[in-house]
Amino acid sequence: MTVEFLGIRGFGQVGGVGKTGRTADPQKADKSGGTEGASFSSALQGAHQMQAPSHTDQTQRAARVQALKEQVANGSYEPDLNKVASSLLKFLVEEG
């Protein structure tokens, strides 16, 4: 899912890079001369680390996917139809 904010989709222009591909002038970025301010790069790195799945999560997901593939292959997979319907309704409401 991509979030659009002020006509910018995702994180494409964060970090001082404009549409021309040039980086912002560091002298213009901080006119106060003080050390106070927001550090967007560290905030984005922290957000990325929070969203990145750990190796354990990836291993567990791979095992779950393999188990589901085996169930589908041998015909024993029976999804919870209430969960499927609920998820489908949420998707349809968000799209509309």
N, C-alpha and C. Protein backbone atom coordinates (compact mmCIF):
# COMPACT_ATOMS: atom_id res chain seq x y z
N MET A 1 0.84 -1.16 0.00
CA MET A 1 0.00 0.00 0.00
C MET A 1 0.89 1.23 0.00
N THR A 2 0.62 2.19 -0.87
CA THR A 2 1.38 3.41 -0.97
C THR A 2 0.53 4.57 -0.51
N VAL A 3 1.12 5.43 0.30
CA VAL A 3 0.41 6.59 0.81
C VAL A 3 0.79 7.80 -0.03
N GLU A 4 -0.19 8.58 -0.43
CA GLU A 4 0.08 9.77 -1.19
C GLU A 4 -0.08 10.97 -0.28
N PHE A 5 0.96 11.81 -0.21
CA PHE A 5 0.97 12.98 0.65
C PHE A 5 1.46 14.16 -0.14
N LEU A 6 0.62 15.15 -0.32
CA LEU A 6 0.95 16.36 -1.09
C LEU A 6 1.42 16.02 -2.49
N GLY A 7 0.79 15.05 -3.10
CA GLY A 7 1.12 14.68 -4.47
C GLY A 7 2.35 13.80 -4.61
N ILE A 8 2.94 13.37 -3.48
CA ILE A 8 4.13 12.52 -3.52
C ILE A 8 3.72 11.14 -3.04
N ARG A 9 4.00 10.13 -3.84
CA ARG A 9 3.63 8.76 -3.47
C ARG A 9 4.81 8.08 -2.80
N GLY A 10 4.59 7.47 -1.65
CA GLY A 10 5.62 6.71 -0.95
C GLY A 10 6.71 7.61 -0.41
N PHE A 11 7.93 7.08 -0.34
CA PHE A 11 9.06 7.80 0.21
C PHE A 11 10.01 8.25 -0.89
N GLY A 12 9.54 8.44 -2.10
CA GLY A 12 10.38 8.74 -3.25
C GLY A 12 11.22 9.98 -3.14
N GLN A 13 10.75 11.04 -2.48
CA GLN A 13 11.50 12.28 -2.48
C GLN A 13 12.01 12.65 -1.11
N VAL A 14 12.04 11.74 -0.18
CA VAL A 14 12.57 12.02 1.14
C VAL A 14 14.08 12.02 1.07
N GLY A 15 14.73 12.87 1.85
CA GLY A 15 16.17 12.89 1.90
C GLY A 15 16.77 14.03 1.12
N GLY A 16 16.01 15.03 0.75
CA GLY A 16 16.54 16.20 0.09
C GLY A 16 16.73 16.04 -1.40
N VAL A 17 16.26 14.98 -2.00
CA VAL A 17 16.39 14.79 -3.44
C VAL A 17 15.11 15.27 -4.10
N GLY A 18 15.25 16.25 -4.98
CA GLY A 18 14.09 16.80 -5.67
C GLY A 18 13.80 16.03 -6.93
N LYS A 19 12.87 16.54 -7.71
CA LYS A 19 12.49 15.87 -8.96
C LYS A 19 13.62 15.86 -9.97
N THR A 20 14.56 16.80 -9.87
CA THR A 20 15.65 16.86 -10.83
C THR A 20 16.75 15.88 -10.51
N GLY A 21 16.69 15.28 -9.32
CA GLY A 21 17.72 14.31 -8.93
C GLY A 21 18.87 14.95 -8.18
N ARG A 22 18.84 16.29 -7.98
CA ARG A 22 19.90 16.96 -7.24
C ARG A 22 19.58 16.93 -5.76
N THR A 23 20.61 16.87 -4.95
CA THR A 23 20.39 16.91 -3.51
C THR A 23 20.26 18.35 -3.07
N ALA A 24 19.56 18.57 -1.97
CA ALA A 24 19.35 19.91 -1.45
C ALA A 24 20.65 20.48 -0.91
N ASP A 25 20.80 21.78 -0.96
CA ASP A 25 21.97 22.47 -0.46
C ASP A 25 21.96 22.40 1.06
N PRO A 26 22.98 21.82 1.70
CA PRO A 26 22.96 21.68 3.16
C PRO A 26 22.93 23.02 3.88
N GLN A 27 23.48 24.07 3.29
CA GLN A 27 23.47 25.38 3.93
C GLN A 27 22.07 25.96 3.96
N LYS A 28 21.27 25.69 2.96
CA LYS A 28 19.91 26.20 2.90
C LYS A 28 18.99 25.40 3.81
N ALA A 29 19.32 24.16 4.08
CA ALA A 29 18.45 23.30 4.86
C ALA A 29 18.39 23.72 6.32
N ASP A 30 19.48 24.26 6.88
CA ASP A 30 19.51 24.61 8.30
C ASP A 30 19.97 26.05 8.45
N LYS A 31 19.05 26.99 8.43
CA LYS A 31 19.38 28.40 8.51
C LYS A 31 19.61 28.85 9.94
N SER A 32 19.09 28.12 10.94
CA SER A 32 19.21 28.54 12.32
C SER A 32 20.62 28.35 12.86
N GLY A 33 21.38 27.42 12.32
CA GLY A 33 22.73 27.18 12.77
C GLY A 33 22.80 26.33 14.02
N GLY A 34 21.66 26.04 14.63
CA GLY A 34 21.64 25.22 15.85
C GLY A 34 21.63 23.75 15.52
N THR A 35 21.69 22.95 16.57
CA THR A 35 21.70 21.51 16.37
C THR A 35 20.32 20.92 16.54
N GLU A 36 19.33 21.74 16.86
CA GLU A 36 17.98 21.24 17.02
C GLU A 36 17.34 21.01 15.66
N GLY A 37 16.50 20.02 15.57
CA GLY A 37 15.79 19.73 14.33
C GLY A 37 15.46 18.26 14.25
N ALA A 38 14.76 17.93 13.22
CA ALA A 38 14.34 16.53 13.03
C ALA A 38 15.34 15.83 12.13
N SER A 39 15.63 14.60 12.45
CA SER A 39 16.50 13.79 11.62
C SER A 39 15.63 12.78 10.89
N PHE A 40 15.27 13.11 9.66
CA PHE A 40 14.37 12.25 8.91
C PHE A 40 15.03 10.93 8.54
N SER A 41 16.32 10.96 8.24
CA SER A 41 16.97 9.72 7.83
C SER A 41 16.97 8.70 8.96
N SER A 42 17.24 9.13 10.19
CA SER A 42 17.23 8.17 11.30
C SER A 42 15.81 7.70 11.59
N ALA A 43 14.84 8.59 11.42
CA ALA A 43 13.44 8.20 11.64
C ALA A 43 13.01 7.18 10.59
N LEU A 44 13.41 7.39 9.35
CA LEU A 44 13.06 6.45 8.28
C LEU A 44 13.77 5.11 8.47
N GLN A 45 15.01 5.15 8.92
CA GLN A 45 15.72 3.90 9.18
C GLN A 45 15.04 3.12 10.28
N GLY A 46 14.61 3.82 11.33
CA GLY A 46 13.90 3.15 12.41
C GLY A 46 12.59 2.55 11.94
N ALA A 47 11.86 3.29 11.11
CA ALA A 47 10.59 2.77 10.57
C ALA A 47 10.83 1.56 9.68
N HIS A 48 11.90 1.62 8.89
CA HIS A 48 12.22 0.49 8.00
C HIS A 48 12.57 -0.75 8.81
N GLN A 49 13.33 -0.57 9.89
CA GLN A 49 13.70 -1.71 10.73
C GLN A 49 12.48 -2.31 11.41
N MET A 50 11.51 -1.46 11.78
CA MET A 50 10.31 -1.97 12.41
C MET A 50 9.46 -2.77 11.44
N GLN A 51 9.47 -2.38 10.15
CA GLN A 51 8.67 -3.05 9.15
C GLN A 51 9.35 -4.28 8.58
N ALA A 52 10.67 -4.32 8.62
CA ALA A 52 11.40 -5.44 8.03
C ALA A 52 11.17 -6.71 8.84
N PRO A 53 10.74 -7.77 8.20
CA PRO A 53 10.52 -9.03 8.94
C PRO A 53 11.85 -9.64 9.38
N SER A 54 11.86 -10.23 10.55
CA SER A 54 13.06 -10.87 11.04
C SER A 54 13.26 -12.22 10.33
N HIS A 55 14.44 -12.77 10.49
CA HIS A 55 14.74 -14.07 9.86
C HIS A 55 13.82 -15.15 10.41
N THR A 56 13.50 -15.09 11.70
CA THR A 56 12.60 -16.07 12.31
C THR A 56 11.21 -15.97 11.69
N ASP A 57 10.73 -14.73 11.49
CA ASP A 57 9.42 -14.54 10.87
C ASP A 57 9.39 -15.11 9.46
N GLN A 58 10.46 -14.89 8.71
CA GLN A 58 10.53 -15.40 7.34
C GLN A 58 10.54 -16.92 7.32
N THR A 59 11.26 -17.52 8.25
CA THR A 59 11.33 -18.98 8.33
C THR A 59 9.96 -19.56 8.69
N GLN A 60 9.29 -18.95 9.66
CA GLN A 60 7.97 -19.43 10.06
C GLN A 60 6.98 -19.27 8.92
N ARG A 61 7.06 -18.15 8.20
CA ARG A 61 6.14 -17.92 7.07
C ARG A 61 6.38 -18.95 5.97
N ALA A 62 7.65 -19.23 5.67
CA ALA A 62 7.97 -20.21 4.64
C ALA A 62 7.43 -21.60 5.01
N ALA A 63 7.54 -21.95 6.29
CA ALA A 63 7.04 -23.24 6.74
C ALA A 63 5.51 -23.29 6.62
N ARG A 64 4.85 -22.20 6.98
CA ARG A 64 3.38 -22.15 6.89
C ARG A 64 2.92 -22.23 5.44
N VAL A 65 3.61 -21.51 4.55
CA VAL A 65 3.26 -21.54 3.13
C VAL A 65 3.44 -22.94 2.57
N GLN A 66 4.52 -23.61 2.94
CA GLN A 66 4.77 -24.97 2.46
C GLN A 66 3.68 -25.93 2.95
N ALA A 67 3.27 -25.78 4.21
CA ALA A 67 2.21 -26.64 4.75
C ALA A 67 0.90 -26.41 4.01
N LEU A 68 0.61 -25.14 3.72
CA LEU A 68 -0.63 -24.84 2.99
C LEU A 68 -0.58 -25.39 1.56
N LYS A 69 0.58 -25.31 0.93
CA LYS A 69 0.73 -25.86 -0.43
C LYS A 69 0.48 -27.36 -0.43
N GLU A 70 0.98 -28.04 0.59
CA GLU A 70 0.77 -29.48 0.68
C GLU A 70 -0.71 -29.81 0.89
N GLN A 71 -1.40 -29.02 1.72
CA GLN A 71 -2.82 -29.24 1.95
C GLN A 71 -3.63 -29.03 0.67
N VAL A 72 -3.28 -27.99 -0.09
CA VAL A 72 -3.98 -27.73 -1.35
C VAL A 72 -3.72 -28.87 -2.33
N ALA A 73 -2.48 -29.34 -2.39
CA ALA A 73 -2.10 -30.39 -3.33
C ALA A 73 -2.84 -31.70 -3.04
N ASN A 74 -3.02 -32.03 -1.76
CA ASN A 74 -3.67 -33.31 -1.46
C ASN A 74 -5.18 -33.16 -1.21
N GLY A 75 -5.70 -31.94 -1.37
CA GLY A 75 -7.15 -31.73 -1.27
C GLY A 75 -7.70 -31.61 0.12
N SER A 76 -6.87 -31.44 1.13
CA SER A 76 -7.37 -31.35 2.50
C SER A 76 -7.47 -29.91 3.01
N TYR A 77 -7.18 -28.92 2.18
CA TYR A 77 -7.23 -27.52 2.61
C TYR A 77 -8.68 -27.05 2.69
N GLU A 78 -9.08 -26.55 3.87
CA GLU A 78 -10.42 -26.04 4.08
C GLU A 78 -10.32 -24.67 4.75
N PRO A 79 -10.40 -23.60 3.97
CA PRO A 79 -10.29 -22.26 4.57
C PRO A 79 -11.51 -21.91 5.40
N ASP A 80 -11.33 -21.00 6.36
CA ASP A 80 -12.45 -20.50 7.17
C ASP A 80 -13.21 -19.50 6.31
N LEU A 81 -14.39 -19.89 5.84
CA LEU A 81 -15.16 -19.07 4.91
C LEU A 81 -15.60 -17.74 5.52
N ASN A 82 -15.81 -17.70 6.84
CA ASN A 82 -16.17 -16.44 7.49
C ASN A 82 -15.02 -15.44 7.42
N LYS A 83 -13.79 -15.91 7.62
CA LYS A 83 -12.63 -15.04 7.52
C LYS A 83 -12.43 -14.56 6.09
N VAL A 84 -12.63 -15.44 5.14
CA VAL A 84 -12.49 -15.07 3.73
C VAL A 84 -13.51 -14.00 3.36
N ALA A 85 -14.75 -14.19 3.76
CA ALA A 85 -15.80 -13.22 3.45
C ALA A 85 -15.53 -11.88 4.13
N SER A 86 -15.09 -11.91 5.38
CA SER A 86 -14.78 -10.68 6.11
C SER A 86 -13.65 -9.91 5.44
N SER A 87 -12.62 -10.62 5.05
CA SER A 87 -11.50 -9.99 4.37
C SER A 87 -11.91 -9.41 3.03
N LEU A 88 -12.73 -10.13 2.31
CA LEU A 88 -13.20 -9.67 1.00
C LEU A 88 -14.04 -8.41 1.14
N LEU A 89 -14.90 -8.36 2.16
CA LEU A 89 -15.73 -7.18 2.39
C LEU A 89 -14.87 -5.97 2.74
N LYS A 90 -13.86 -6.16 3.57
CA LYS A 90 -12.95 -5.06 3.92
C LYS A 90 -12.26 -4.53 2.67
N PHE A 91 -11.81 -5.44 1.83
CA PHE A 91 -11.13 -5.04 0.59
C PHE A 91 -12.07 -4.25 -0.33
N LEU A 92 -13.31 -4.71 -0.46
CA LEU A 92 -14.28 -4.04 -1.33
C LEU A 92 -14.65 -2.66 -0.79
N VAL A 93 -14.75 -2.52 0.53
CA VAL A 93 -15.08 -1.23 1.13
C VAL A 93 -13.94 -0.25 0.92
N GLU A 94 -12.68 -0.68 1.05
CA GLU A 94 -11.52 0.20 0.87
C GLU A 94 -11.40 0.65 -0.57
N GLU A 95 -11.72 -0.20 -1.52
CA GLU A 95 -11.61 0.14 -2.94
C GLU A 95 -12.68 1.12 -3.38
N GLY A 96 -13.85 1.06 -2.77
CA GLY A 96 -15.00 1.83 -3.19
C GLY A 96 -14.94 3.21 -2.73
